[in-house]
Amino acid sequence: MEMTKFESLGPLRNIKEIKRRREEVRRSKQTVAYNALKQFIFVNELGTEEQREKLEKIVILDVISDYIRSKLIQDYLKYIQAWSTYNSMLSLTAFPTPTDSEYGDEEEEIIDVIN
């Protein structure tokens, strides 16, 4: 029985083949992810027109990171605005606290009755 060059390597050949396939799968996943990010950039018209014309990996990542950063800031500002609106509504519905001048003598009479 004659062995080919690769068969004679035995387990070493199998390990190399496994590593090659893993790397192929990793590259394929990256390609799919970058294509999805490109699509997201075009659909949402992110970045400048110049950036969209030449979407290299680094440009894609820059545009997406800028989008995330600005989205976080926008969400934070919306939160602050909502909180401010909520607080102003609370101040409108708060009950006024009585002052001494409003109940002055009556309060003393009530205290005398209790004692």
PDB file of N, CA and C in Angstrom:
ATOM      1  N   MET A   1       0.837  -1.162   0.000  1.00  0.00           N
ATOM      2  CA  MET A   1       0.000   0.000   0.000  1.00  0.00           C
ATOM      3  C   MET A   1       0.895   1.242   0.000  1.00  0.00           C
ATOM      4  N   GLU A   2       0.637   2.131  -0.917  1.00  0.00           N
ATOM      5  CA  GLU A   2       1.460   3.322  -1.068  1.00  0.00           C
ATOM      6  C   GLU A   2       0.803   4.516  -0.362  1.00  0.00           C
ATOM      7  N   MET A   3       1.592   5.277   0.409  1.00  0.00           N
ATOM      8  CA  MET A   3       1.090   6.443   1.146  1.00  0.00           C
ATOM      9  C   MET A   3       1.434   7.713   0.394  1.00  0.00           C
ATOM     10  N   THR A   4       0.477   8.635   0.413  1.00  0.00           N
ATOM     11  CA  THR A   4       0.766   9.936  -0.185  1.00  0.00           C
ATOM     12  C   THR A   4       1.572  10.765   0.811  1.00  0.00           C
ATOM     13  N   LYS A   5       2.056  11.875   0.339  1.00  0.00           N
ATOM     14  CA  LYS A   5       2.867  12.758   1.179  1.00  0.00           C
ATOM     15  C   LYS A   5       2.092  13.205   2.420  1.00  0.00           C
ATOM     16  N   PHE A   6       0.811  13.577   2.248  1.00  0.00           N
ATOM     17  CA  PHE A   6       0.022  14.081   3.368  1.00  0.00           C
ATOM     18  C   PHE A   6      -0.386  12.969   4.327  1.00  0.00           C
ATOM     19  N   GLU A   7      -0.645  11.796   3.812  1.00  0.00           N
ATOM     20  CA  GLU A   7      -1.034  10.690   4.682  1.00  0.00           C
ATOM     21  C   GLU A   7       0.101  10.288   5.607  1.00  0.00           C
ATOM     22  N   SER A   8       1.334  10.423   5.126  1.00  0.00           N
ATOM     23  CA  SER A   8       2.473  10.043   5.954  1.00  0.00           C
ATOM     24  C   SER A   8       2.634  10.974   7.159  1.00  0.00           C
ATOM     25  N   LEU A   9       2.087  12.178   7.066  1.00  0.00           N
ATOM     26  CA  LEU A   9       2.165  13.112   8.185  1.00  0.00           C
ATOM     27  C   LEU A   9       1.214  12.716   9.311  1.00  0.00           C
ATOM     28  N   GLY A  10       0.182  11.973   8.996  1.00  0.00           N
ATOM     29  CA  GLY A  10      -0.754  11.463   9.996  1.00  0.00           C
ATOM     30  C   GLY A  10      -1.414  12.553  10.813  1.00  0.00           C
ATOM     31  N   PRO A  11      -1.294  12.474  12.144  1.00  0.00           N
ATOM     32  CA  PRO A  11      -1.957  13.427  13.040  1.00  0.00           C
ATOM     33  C   PRO A  11      -1.560  14.880  12.791  1.00  0.00           C
ATOM     34  N   LEU A  12      -0.320  15.099  12.391  1.00  0.00           N
ATOM     35  CA  LEU A  12       0.131  16.459  12.116  1.00  0.00           C
ATOM     36  C   LEU A  12      -0.680  17.072  10.975  1.00  0.00           C
ATOM     37  N   ARG A  13      -0.965  16.285   9.975  1.00  0.00           N
ATOM     38  CA  ARG A  13      -1.771  16.755   8.833  1.00  0.00           C
ATOM     39  C   ARG A  13      -3.180  17.109   9.308  1.00  0.00           C
ATOM     40  N   ASN A  14      -3.743  16.297  10.169  1.00  0.00           N
ATOM     41  CA  ASN A  14      -5.089  16.553  10.683  1.00  0.00           C
ATOM     42  C   ASN A  14      -5.136  17.858  11.479  1.00  0.00           C
ATOM     43  N   ILE A  15      -4.130  18.093  12.284  1.00  0.00           N
ATOM     44  CA  ILE A  15      -4.077  19.320  13.084  1.00  0.00           C
ATOM     45  C   ILE A  15      -3.978  20.538  12.170  1.00  0.00           C
ATOM     46  N   LYS A  16      -3.141  20.453  11.140  1.00  0.00           N
ATOM     47  CA  LYS A  16      -3.005  21.568  10.203  1.00  0.00           C
ATOM     48  C   LYS A  16      -4.317  21.821   9.466  1.00  0.00           C
ATOM     49  N   GLU A  17      -4.995  20.762   9.094  1.00  0.00           N
ATOM     50  CA  GLU A  17      -6.278  20.896   8.396  1.00  0.00           C
ATOM     51  C   GLU A  17      -7.326  21.533   9.308  1.00  0.00           C
ATOM     52  N   ILE A  18      -7.359  21.134  10.560  1.00  0.00           N
ATOM     53  CA  ILE A  18      -8.303  21.707  11.529  1.00  0.00           C
ATOM     54  C   ILE A  18      -8.022  23.197  11.713  1.00  0.00           C
ATOM     55  N   LYS A  19      -6.754  23.559  11.870  1.00  0.00           N
ATOM     56  CA  LYS A  19      -6.392  24.967  12.030  1.00  0.00           C
ATOM     57  C   LYS A  19      -6.773  25.780  10.797  1.00  0.00           C
ATOM     58  N   ARG A  20      -6.537  25.201   9.603  1.00  0.00           N
ATOM     59  CA  ARG A  20      -6.877  25.893   8.365  1.00  0.00           C
ATOM     60  C   ARG A  20      -8.380  26.142   8.287  1.00  0.00           C
ATOM     61  N   ARG A  21      -9.168  25.147   8.641  1.00  0.00           N
ATOM     62  CA  ARG A  21     -10.632  25.289   8.602  1.00  0.00           C
ATOM     63  C   ARG A  21     -11.119  26.319   9.628  1.00  0.00           C
ATOM     64  N   ARG A  22     -10.549  26.300  10.805  1.00  0.00           N
ATOM     65  CA  ARG A  22     -10.928  27.293  11.827  1.00  0.00           C
ATOM     66  C   ARG A  22     -10.657  28.711  11.339  1.00  0.00           C
ATOM     67  N   GLU A  23      -9.484  28.892  10.746  1.00  0.00           N
ATOM     68  CA  GLU A  23      -9.118  30.215  10.235  1.00  0.00           C
ATOM     69  C   GLU A  23     -10.061  30.629   9.107  1.00  0.00           C
ATOM     70  N   GLU A  24     -10.425  29.689   8.267  1.00  0.00           N
ATOM     71  CA  GLU A  24     -11.359  29.959   7.178  1.00  0.00           C
ATOM     72  C   GLU A  24     -12.729  30.384   7.725  1.00  0.00           C
ATOM     73  N   VAL A  25     -13.201  29.700   8.746  1.00  0.00           N
ATOM     74  CA  VAL A  25     -14.486  30.030   9.373  1.00  0.00           C
ATOM     75  C   VAL A  25     -14.406  31.402  10.032  1.00  0.00           C
ATOM     76  N   ARG A  26     -13.302  31.683  10.709  1.00  0.00           N
ATOM     77  CA  ARG A  26     -13.121  32.978  11.366  1.00  0.00           C
ATOM     78  C   ARG A  26     -13.160  34.112  10.343  1.00  0.00           C
ATOM     79  N   ARG A  27     -12.443  33.952   9.235  1.00  0.00           N
ATOM     80  CA  ARG A  27     -12.437  34.976   8.184  1.00  0.00           C
ATOM     81  C   ARG A  27     -13.825  35.146   7.574  1.00  0.00           C
ATOM     82  N   SER A  28     -14.507  34.042   7.403  1.00  0.00           N
ATOM     83  CA  SER A  28     -15.857  34.089   6.837  1.00  0.00           C
ATOM     84  C   SER A  28     -16.810  34.853   7.756  1.00  0.00           C
ATOM     85  N   LYS A  29     -16.716  34.609   9.055  1.00  0.00           N
ATOM     86  CA  LYS A  29     -17.557  35.325  10.030  1.00  0.00           C
ATOM     87  C   LYS A  29     -17.252  36.820  10.008  1.00  0.00           C
ATOM     88  N   GLN A  30     -15.971  37.162   9.920  1.00  0.00           N
ATOM     89  CA  GLN A  30     -15.587  38.575   9.858  1.00  0.00           C
ATOM     90  C   GLN A  30     -16.147  39.241   8.610  1.00  0.00           C
ATOM     91  N   THR A  31     -16.061  38.550   7.489  1.00  0.00           N
ATOM     92  CA  THR A  31     -16.580  39.097   6.237  1.00  0.00           C
ATOM     93  C   THR A  31     -18.077  39.345   6.335  1.00  0.00           C
ATOM     94  N   VAL A  32     -18.801  38.390   6.883  1.00  0.00           N
ATOM     95  CA  VAL A  32     -20.250  38.543   7.055  1.00  0.00           C
ATOM     96  C   VAL A  32     -20.547  39.730   7.971  1.00  0.00           C
ATOM     97  N   ALA A  33     -19.801  39.854   9.062  1.00  0.00           N
ATOM     98  CA  ALA A  33     -20.025  40.947  10.017  1.00  0.00           C
ATOM     99  C   ALA A  33     -19.724  42.304   9.381  1.00  0.00           C
ATOM    100  N   TYR A  34     -18.615  42.418   8.665  1.00  0.00           N
ATOM    101  CA  TYR A  34     -18.278  43.689   8.013  1.00  0.00           C
ATOM    102  C   TYR A  34     -19.309  44.053   6.946  1.00  0.00           C
ATOM    103  N   ASN A  35     -19.794  43.057   6.218  1.00  0.00           N
ATOM    104  CA  ASN A  35     -20.824  43.332   5.210  1.00  0.00           C
ATOM    105  C   ASN A  35     -22.116  43.822   5.861  1.00  0.00           C
ATOM    106  N   ALA A  36     -22.468  43.248   7.004  1.00  0.00           N
ATOM    107  CA  ALA A  36     -23.664  43.697   7.728  1.00  0.00           C
ATOM    108  C   ALA A  36     -23.482  45.134   8.226  1.00  0.00           C
ATOM    109  N   LEU A  37     -22.284  45.461   8.717  1.00  0.00           N
ATOM    110  CA  LEU A  37     -22.011  46.831   9.165  1.00  0.00           C
ATOM    111  C   LEU A  37     -22.056  47.815   7.992  1.00  0.00           C
ATOM    112  N   LYS A  38     -21.516  47.404   6.845  1.00  0.00           N
ATOM    113  CA  LYS A  38     -21.580  48.261   5.652  1.00  0.00           C
ATOM    114  C   LYS A  38     -23.034  48.550   5.294  1.00  0.00           C
ATOM    115  N   GLN A  39     -23.847  47.507   5.292  1.00  0.00           N
ATOM    116  CA  GLN A  39     -25.260  47.662   4.966  1.00  0.00           C
ATOM    117  C   GLN A  39     -25.933  48.627   5.943  1.00  0.00           C
ATOM    118  N   PHE A  40     -25.632  48.479   7.229  1.00  0.00           N
ATOM    119  CA  PHE A  40     -26.189  49.359   8.261  1.00  0.00           C
ATOM    120  C   PHE A  40     -25.786  50.809   8.001  1.00  0.00           C
ATOM    121  N   ILE A  41     -24.537  51.016   7.627  1.00  0.00           N
ATOM    122  CA  ILE A  41     -24.034  52.362   7.347  1.00  0.00           C
ATOM    123  C   ILE A  41     -24.774  52.973   6.159  1.00  0.00           C
ATOM    124  N   PHE A  42     -24.961  52.191   5.096  1.00  0.00           N
ATOM    125  CA  PHE A  42     -25.653  52.717   3.917  1.00  0.00           C
ATOM    126  C   PHE A  42     -27.125  52.986   4.193  1.00  0.00           C
ATOM    127  N   VAL A  43     -27.790  52.069   4.860  1.00  0.00           N
ATOM    128  CA  VAL A  43     -29.221  52.219   5.136  1.00  0.00           C
ATOM    129  C   VAL A  43     -29.485  53.447   5.998  1.00  0.00           C
ATOM    130  N   ASN A  44     -28.646  53.663   7.004  1.00  0.00           N
ATOM    131  CA  ASN A  44     -28.841  54.778   7.932  1.00  0.00           C
ATOM    132  C   ASN A  44     -28.080  56.041   7.529  1.00  0.00           C
ATOM    133  N   GLU A  45     -27.425  55.978   6.379  1.00  0.00           N
ATOM    134  CA  GLU A  45     -26.650  57.109   5.852  1.00  0.00           C
ATOM    135  C   GLU A  45     -25.711  57.685   6.907  1.00  0.00           C
ATOM    136  N   LEU A  46     -24.940  56.811   7.514  1.00  0.00           N
ATOM    137  CA  LEU A  46     -23.988  57.229   8.542  1.00  0.00           C
ATOM    138  C   LEU A  46     -22.691  57.686   7.888  1.00  0.00           C
ATOM    139  N   GLY A  47     -21.954  58.501   8.614  1.00  0.00           N
ATOM    140  CA  GLY A  47     -20.678  58.986   8.115  1.00  0.00           C
ATOM    141  C   GLY A  47     -20.868  59.969   6.975  1.00  0.00           C
ATOM    142  N   THR A  48     -19.756  60.355   6.393  1.00  0.00           N
ATOM    143  CA  THR A  48     -19.814  61.286   5.262  1.00  0.00           C
ATOM    144  C   THR A  48     -19.962  60.494   3.968  1.00  0.00           C
ATOM    145  N   GLU A  49     -20.332  61.195   2.919  1.00  0.00           N
ATOM    146  CA  GLU A  49     -20.464  60.536   1.614  1.00  0.00           C
ATOM    147  C   GLU A  49     -19.115  59.964   1.178  1.00  0.00           C
ATOM    148  N   GLU A  50     -18.060  60.710   1.466  1.00  0.00           N
ATOM    149  CA  GLU A  50     -16.707  60.262   1.121  1.00  0.00           C
ATOM    150  C   GLU A  50     -16.366  58.959   1.851  1.00  0.00           C
ATOM    151  N   GLN A  51     -16.737  58.875   3.122  1.00  0.00           N
ATOM    152  CA  GLN A  51     -16.481  57.656   3.886  1.00  0.00           C
ATOM    153  C   GLN A  51     -17.277  56.484   3.321  1.00  0.00           C
ATOM    154  N   ARG A  52     -18.522  56.745   2.913  1.00  0.00           N
ATOM    155  CA  ARG A  52     -19.359  55.663   2.389  1.00  0.00           C
ATOM    156  C   ARG A  52     -18.846  55.149   1.048  1.00  0.00           C
ATOM    157  N   GLU A  53     -18.161  56.016   0.277  1.00  0.00           N
ATOM    158  CA  GLU A  53     -17.621  55.587  -1.015  1.00  0.00           C
ATOM    159  C   GLU A  53     -16.467  54.605  -0.839  1.00  0.00           C
ATOM    160  N   LYS A  54     -15.706  54.767   0.220  1.00  0.00           N
ATOM    161  CA  LYS A  54     -14.523  53.931   0.420  1.00  0.00           C
ATOM    162  C   LYS A  54     -14.600  53.286   1.804  1.00  0.00           C
ATOM    163  N   LEU A  55     -15.410  52.251   1.897  1.00  0.00           N
ATOM    164  CA  LEU A  55     -15.614  51.618   3.198  1.00  0.00           C
ATOM    165  C   LEU A  55     -14.606  50.488   3.428  1.00  0.00           C
ATOM    166  N   GLU A  56     -13.427  50.871   3.866  1.00  0.00           N
ATOM    167  CA  GLU A  56     -12.446  49.885   4.303  1.00  0.00           C
ATOM    168  C   GLU A  56     -12.797  49.494   5.730  1.00  0.00           C
ATOM    169  N   LYS A  57     -12.188  48.439   6.207  1.00  0.00           N
ATOM    170  CA  LYS A  57     -12.517  47.947   7.555  1.00  0.00           C
ATOM    171  C   LYS A  57     -12.341  49.024   8.619  1.00  0.00           C
ATOM    172  N   ILE A  58     -11.258  49.771   8.546  1.00  0.00           N
ATOM    173  CA  ILE A  58     -11.001  50.790   9.571  1.00  0.00           C
ATOM    174  C   ILE A  58     -12.033  51.910   9.496  1.00  0.00           C
ATOM    175  N   VAL A  59     -12.451  52.265   8.285  1.00  0.00           N
ATOM    176  CA  VAL A  59     -13.467  53.311   8.118  1.00  0.00           C
ATOM    177  C   VAL A  59     -14.803  52.818   8.662  1.00  0.00           C
ATOM    178  N   ILE A  60     -15.132  51.569   8.380  1.00  0.00           N
ATOM    179  CA  ILE A  60     -16.376  50.981   8.899  1.00  0.00           C
ATOM    180  C   ILE A  60     -16.392  51.068  10.417  1.00  0.00           C
ATOM    181  N   LEU A  61     -15.306  50.673  11.043  1.00  0.00           N
ATOM    182  CA  LEU A  61     -15.240  50.694  12.507  1.00  0.00           C
ATOM    183  C   LEU A  61     -15.300  52.121  13.051  1.00  0.00           C
ATOM    184  N   ASP A  62     -14.655  53.061  12.378  1.00  0.00           N
ATOM    185  CA  ASP A  62     -14.716  54.470  12.805  1.00  0.00           C
ATOM    186  C   ASP A  62     -16.141  55.014  12.735  1.00  0.00           C
ATOM    187  N   VAL A  63     -16.820  54.746  11.633  1.00  0.00           N
ATOM    188  CA  VAL A  63     -18.185  55.251  11.453  1.00  0.00           C
ATOM    189  C   VAL A  63     -19.113  54.646  12.500  1.00  0.00           C
ATOM    190  N   ILE A  64     -18.990  53.344  12.726  1.00  0.00           N
ATOM    191  CA  ILE A  64     -19.850  52.668  13.706  1.00  0.00           C
ATOM    192  C   ILE A  64     -19.550  53.164  15.118  1.00  0.00           C
ATOM    193  N   SER A  65     -18.280  53.345  15.463  1.00  0.00           N
ATOM    194  CA  SER A  65     -17.957  53.828  16.816  1.00  0.00           C
ATOM    195  C   SER A  65     -18.459  55.259  17.017  1.00  0.00           C
ATOM    196  N   ASP A  66     -18.373  56.092  15.983  1.00  0.00           N
ATOM    197  CA  ASP A  66     -18.936  57.450  16.075  1.00  0.00           C
ATOM    198  C   ASP A  66     -20.445  57.401  16.277  1.00  0.00           C
ATOM    199  N   TYR A  67     -21.100  56.502  15.556  1.00  0.00           N
ATOM    200  CA  TYR A  67     -22.557  56.353  15.682  1.00  0.00           C
ATOM    201  C   TYR A  67     -22.928  55.935  17.104  1.00  0.00           C
ATOM    202  N   ILE A  68     -22.227  54.957  17.639  1.00  0.00           N
ATOM    203  CA  ILE A  68     -22.518  54.477  19.000  1.00  0.00           C
ATOM    204  C   ILE A  68     -22.293  55.596  20.009  1.00  0.00           C
ATOM    205  N   ARG A  69     -21.186  56.313  19.866  1.00  0.00           N
ATOM    206  CA  ARG A  69     -20.875  57.407  20.782  1.00  0.00           C
ATOM    207  C   ARG A  69     -21.969  58.478  20.744  1.00  0.00           C
ATOM    208  N   SER A  70     -22.379  58.880  19.547  1.00  0.00           N
ATOM    209  CA  SER A  70     -23.410  59.920  19.446  1.00  0.00           C
ATOM    210  C   SER A  70     -24.760  59.402  19.923  1.00  0.00           C
ATOM    211  N   LYS A  71     -25.041  58.126  19.698  1.00  0.00           N
ATOM    212  CA  LYS A  71     -26.299  57.530  20.167  1.00  0.00           C
ATOM    213  C   LYS A  71     -26.337  57.529  21.688  1.00  0.00           C
ATOM    214  N   LEU A  72     -25.233  57.200  22.324  1.00  0.00           N
ATOM    215  CA  LEU A  72     -25.180  57.215  23.784  1.00  0.00           C
ATOM    216  C   LEU A  72     -25.418  58.622  24.320  1.00  0.00           C
ATOM    217  N   ILE A  73     -24.818  59.610  23.684  1.00  0.00           N
ATOM    218  CA  ILE A  73     -24.995  60.997  24.119  1.00  0.00           C
ATOM    219  C   ILE A  73     -26.448  61.425  23.934  1.00  0.00           C
ATOM    220  N   GLN A  74     -27.039  61.078  22.786  1.00  0.00           N
ATOM    221  CA  GLN A  74     -28.444  61.432  22.536  1.00  0.00           C
ATOM    222  C   GLN A  74     -29.360  60.781  23.570  1.00  0.00           C
ATOM    223  N   ASP A  75     -29.116  59.503  23.848  1.00  0.00           N
ATOM    224  CA  ASP A  75     -29.945  58.804  24.834  1.00  0.00           C
ATOM    225  C   ASP A  75     -29.800  59.426  26.216  1.00  0.00           C
ATOM    226  N   TYR A  76     -28.583  59.825  26.572  1.00  0.00           N
ATOM    227  CA  TYR A  76     -28.351  60.453  27.869  1.00  0.00           C
ATOM    228  C   TYR A  76     -29.090  61.788  27.952  1.00  0.00           C
ATOM    229  N   LEU A  77     -29.027  62.570  26.874  1.00  0.00           N
ATOM    230  CA  LEU A  77     -29.723  63.860  26.861  1.00  0.00           C
ATOM    231  C   LEU A  77     -31.238  63.677  26.954  1.00  0.00           C
ATOM    232  N   LYS A  78     -31.763  62.645  26.293  1.00  0.00           N
ATOM    233  CA  LYS A  78     -33.200  62.355  26.395  1.00  0.00           C
ATOM    234  C   LYS A  78     -33.564  61.988  27.826  1.00  0.00           C
ATOM    235  N   TYR A  79     -32.700  61.213  28.471  1.00  0.00           N
ATOM    236  CA  TYR A  79     -32.935  60.813  29.860  1.00  0.00           C
ATOM    237  C   TYR A  79     -32.964  62.047  30.763  1.00  0.00           C
ATOM    238  N   ILE A  80     -31.993  62.935  30.599  1.00  0.00           N
ATOM    239  CA  ILE A  80     -31.928  64.158  31.404  1.00  0.00           C
ATOM    240  C   ILE A  80     -33.173  65.009  31.171  1.00  0.00           C
ATOM    241  N   GLN A  81     -33.585  65.127  29.916  1.00  0.00           N
ATOM    242  CA  GLN A  81     -34.769  65.924  29.596  1.00  0.00           C
ATOM    243  C   GLN A  81     -36.018  65.304  30.235  1.00  0.00           C
ATOM    244  N   ALA A  82     -36.147  63.979  30.144  1.00  0.00           N
ATOM    245  CA  ALA A  82     -37.306  63.310  30.741  1.00  0.00           C
ATOM    246  C   ALA A  82     -37.300  63.488  32.256  1.00  0.00           C
ATOM    247  N   TRP A  83     -36.136  63.379  32.867  1.00  0.00           N
ATOM    248  CA  TRP A  83     -36.021  63.542  34.317  1.00  0.00           C
ATOM    249  C   TRP A  83     -36.397  64.964  34.724  1.00  0.00           C
ATOM    250  N   SER A  84     -35.953  65.931  33.943  1.00  0.00           N
ATOM    251  CA  SER A  84     -36.272  67.328  34.221  1.00  0.00           C
ATOM    252  C   SER A  84     -37.778  67.569  34.108  1.00  0.00           C
ATOM    253  N   THR A  85     -38.391  66.999  33.085  1.00  0.00           N
ATOM    254  CA  THR A  85     -39.841  67.128  32.911  1.00  0.00           C
ATOM    255  C   THR A  85     -40.570  66.491  34.082  1.00  0.00           C
ATOM    256  N   TYR A  86     -40.110  65.321  34.494  1.00  0.00           N
ATOM    257  CA  TYR A  86     -40.719  64.614  35.620  1.00  0.00           C
ATOM    258  C   TYR A  86     -40.630  65.459  36.894  1.00  0.00           C
ATOM    259  N   ASN A  87     -39.463  66.023  37.156  1.00  0.00           N
ATOM    260  CA  ASN A  87     -39.285  66.859  38.352  1.00  0.00           C
ATOM    261  C   ASN A  87     -40.164  68.103  38.312  1.00  0.00           C
ATOM    262  N   SER A  88     -40.296  68.707  37.139  1.00  0.00           N
ATOM    263  CA  SER A  88     -41.138  69.899  37.054  1.00  0.00           C
ATOM    264  C   SER A  88     -42.605  69.539  37.264  1.00  0.00           C
ATOM    265  N   MET A  89     -43.017  68.352  36.823  1.00  0.00           N
ATOM    266  CA  MET A  89     -44.393  67.911  37.062  1.00  0.00           C
ATOM    267  C   MET A  89     -44.630  67.673  38.549  1.00  0.00           C
ATOM    268  N   LEU A  90     -43.625  67.133  39.228  1.00  0.00           N
ATOM    269  CA  LEU A  90     -43.752  66.899  40.668  1.00  0.00           C
ATOM    270  C   LEU A  90     -43.916  68.213  41.418  1.00  0.00           C
ATOM    271  N   SER A  91     -43.180  69.216  41.017  1.00  0.00           N
ATOM    272  CA  SER A  91     -43.271  70.496  41.725  1.00  0.00           C
ATOM    273  C   SER A  91     -44.635  71.146  41.509  1.00  0.00           C
ATOM    274  N   LEU A  92     -45.287  70.856  40.393  1.00  0.00           N
ATOM    275  CA  LEU A  92     -46.615  71.410  40.144  1.00  0.00           C
ATOM    276  C   LEU A  92     -47.687  70.726  40.983  1.00  0.00           C
ATOM    277  N   THR A  93     -47.486  69.440  41.275  1.00  0.00           N
ATOM    278  CA  THR A  93     -48.502  68.691  42.021  1.00  0.00           C
ATOM    279  C   THR A  93     -48.209  68.621  43.510  1.00  0.00           C
ATOM    280  N   ALA A  94     -47.115  69.187  43.956  1.00  0.00           N
ATOM    281  CA  ALA A  94     -46.767  69.124  45.378  1.00  0.00           C
ATOM    282  C   ALA A  94     -47.741  69.980  46.193  1.00  0.00           C
ATOM    283  N   PHE A  95     -48.069  69.496  47.363  1.00  0.00           N
ATOM    284  CA  PHE A  95     -48.965  70.232  48.247  1.00  0.00           C
ATOM    285  C   PHE A  95     -48.171  71.280  49.012  1.00  0.00           C
ATOM    286  N   PRO A  96     -48.731  72.465  49.142  1.00  0.00           N
ATOM    287  CA  PRO A  96     -48.006  73.501  49.896  1.00  0.00           C
ATOM    288  C   PRO A  96     -47.970  73.133  51.376  1.00  0.00           C
ATOM    289  N   THR A  97     -46.884  73.436  51.998  1.00  0.00           N
ATOM    290  CA  THR A  97     -46.777  73.172  53.435  1.00  0.00           C
ATOM    291  C   THR A  97     -47.304  74.381  54.188  1.00  0.00           C
ATOM    292  N   PRO A  98     -48.036  74.152  55.260  1.00  0.00           N
ATOM    293  CA  PRO A  98     -48.582  75.285  56.018  1.00  0.00           C
ATOM    294  C   PRO A  98     -47.464  76.063  56.705  1.00  0.00           C
ATOM    295  N   THR A  99     -47.644  77.338  56.767  1.00  0.00           N
ATOM    296  CA  THR A  99     -46.669  78.183  57.458  1.00  0.00           C
ATOM    297  C   THR A  99     -47.241  78.579  58.810  1.00  0.00           C
ATOM    298  N   ASP A 100     -46.401  79.076  59.669  1.00  0.00           N
ATOM    299  CA  ASP A 100     -46.847  79.485  61.008  1.00  0.00           C
ATOM    300  C   ASP A 100     -47.899  80.586  60.932  1.00  0.00           C
ATOM    301  N   SER A 101     -47.751  81.476  59.985  1.00  0.00           N
ATOM    302  CA  SER A 101     -48.684  82.598  59.904  1.00  0.00           C
ATOM    303  C   SER A 101     -50.090  82.140  59.521  1.00  0.00           C
ATOM    304  N   GLU A 102     -50.196  81.012  58.799  1.00  0.00           N
ATOM    305  CA  GLU A 102     -51.515  80.535  58.388  1.00  0.00           C
ATOM    306  C   GLU A 102     -52.299  79.957  59.563  1.00  0.00           C
ATOM    307  N   TYR A 103     -51.624  79.210  60.433  1.00  0.00           N
ATOM    308  CA  TYR A 103     -52.322  78.494  61.503  1.00  0.00           C
ATOM    309  C   TYR A 103     -51.914  78.945  62.896  1.00  0.00           C
ATOM    310  N   GLY A 104     -51.170  79.986  63.013  1.00  0.00           N
ATOM    311  CA  GLY A 104     -50.606  80.468  64.271  1.00  0.00           C
ATOM    312  C   GLY A 104     -51.413  80.198  65.523  1.00  0.00           C
ATOM    313  N   ASP A 105     -52.511  80.900  65.742  1.00  0.00           N
ATOM    314  CA  ASP A 105     -53.292  80.788  66.980  1.00  0.00           C
ATOM    315  C   ASP A 105     -54.015  79.453  67.082  1.00  0.00           C
ATOM    316  N   GLU A 106     -54.531  78.943  65.960  1.00  0.00           N
ATOM    317  CA  GLU A 106     -55.263  77.670  65.998  1.00  0.00           C
ATOM    318  C   GLU A 106     -54.357  76.549  66.474  1.00  0.00           C
ATOM    319  N   GLU A 107     -53.114  76.569  66.020  1.00  0.00           N
ATOM    320  CA  GLU A 107     -52.168  75.531  66.415  1.00  0.00           C
ATOM    321  C   GLU A 107     -51.938  75.563  67.927  1.00  0.00           C
ATOM    322  N   GLU A 108     -51.805  76.751  68.483  1.00  0.00           N
ATOM    323  CA  GLU A 108     -51.593  76.868  69.925  1.00  0.00           C
ATOM    324  C   GLU A 108     -52.816  76.372  70.687  1.00  0.00           C
ATOM    325  N   GLU A 109     -54.024  76.660  70.185  1.00  0.00           N
ATOM    326  CA  GLU A 109     -55.245  76.197  70.838  1.00  0.00           C
ATOM    327  C   GLU A 109     -55.317  74.677  70.824  1.00  0.00           C
ATOM    328  N   ILE A 110     -54.939  74.072  69.705  1.00  0.00           N
ATOM    329  CA  ILE A 110     -54.967  72.603  69.600  1.00  0.00           C
ATOM    330  C   ILE A 110     -53.980  72.003  70.582  1.00  0.00           C
ATOM    331  N   ILE A 111     -52.822  72.591  70.693  1.00  0.00           N
ATOM    332  CA  ILE A 111     -51.815  72.092  71.631  1.00  0.00           C
ATOM    333  C   ILE A 111     -52.330  72.216  73.063  1.00  0.00           C
ATOM    334  N   ASP A 112     -53.004  73.336  73.386  1.00  0.00           N
ATOM    335  CA  ASP A 112     -53.566  73.520  74.732  1.00  0.00           C
ATOM    336  C   ASP A 112     -54.622  72.459  75.025  1.00  0.00           C
ATOM    337  N   VAL A 113     -55.459  72.142  74.042  1.00  0.00           N
ATOM    338  CA  VAL A 113     -56.513  71.137  74.237  1.00  0.00           C
ATOM    339  C   VAL A 113     -55.897  69.773  74.483  1.00  0.00           C
ATOM    340  N   ILE A 114     -54.845  69.460  73.764  1.00  0.00           N
ATOM    341  CA  ILE A 114     -54.189  68.156  73.918  1.00  0.00           C
ATOM    342  C   ILE A 114     -53.574  68.034  75.301  1.00  0.00           C
ATOM    343  N   ASN A 115     -52.978  69.107  75.792  1.00  0.00           N
ATOM    344  CA  ASN A 115     -52.327  69.060  77.105  1.00  0.00           C
ATOM    345  C   ASN A 115     -53.397  69.033  78.153  1.00  0.00           C
TER     346      ASN A 115
END
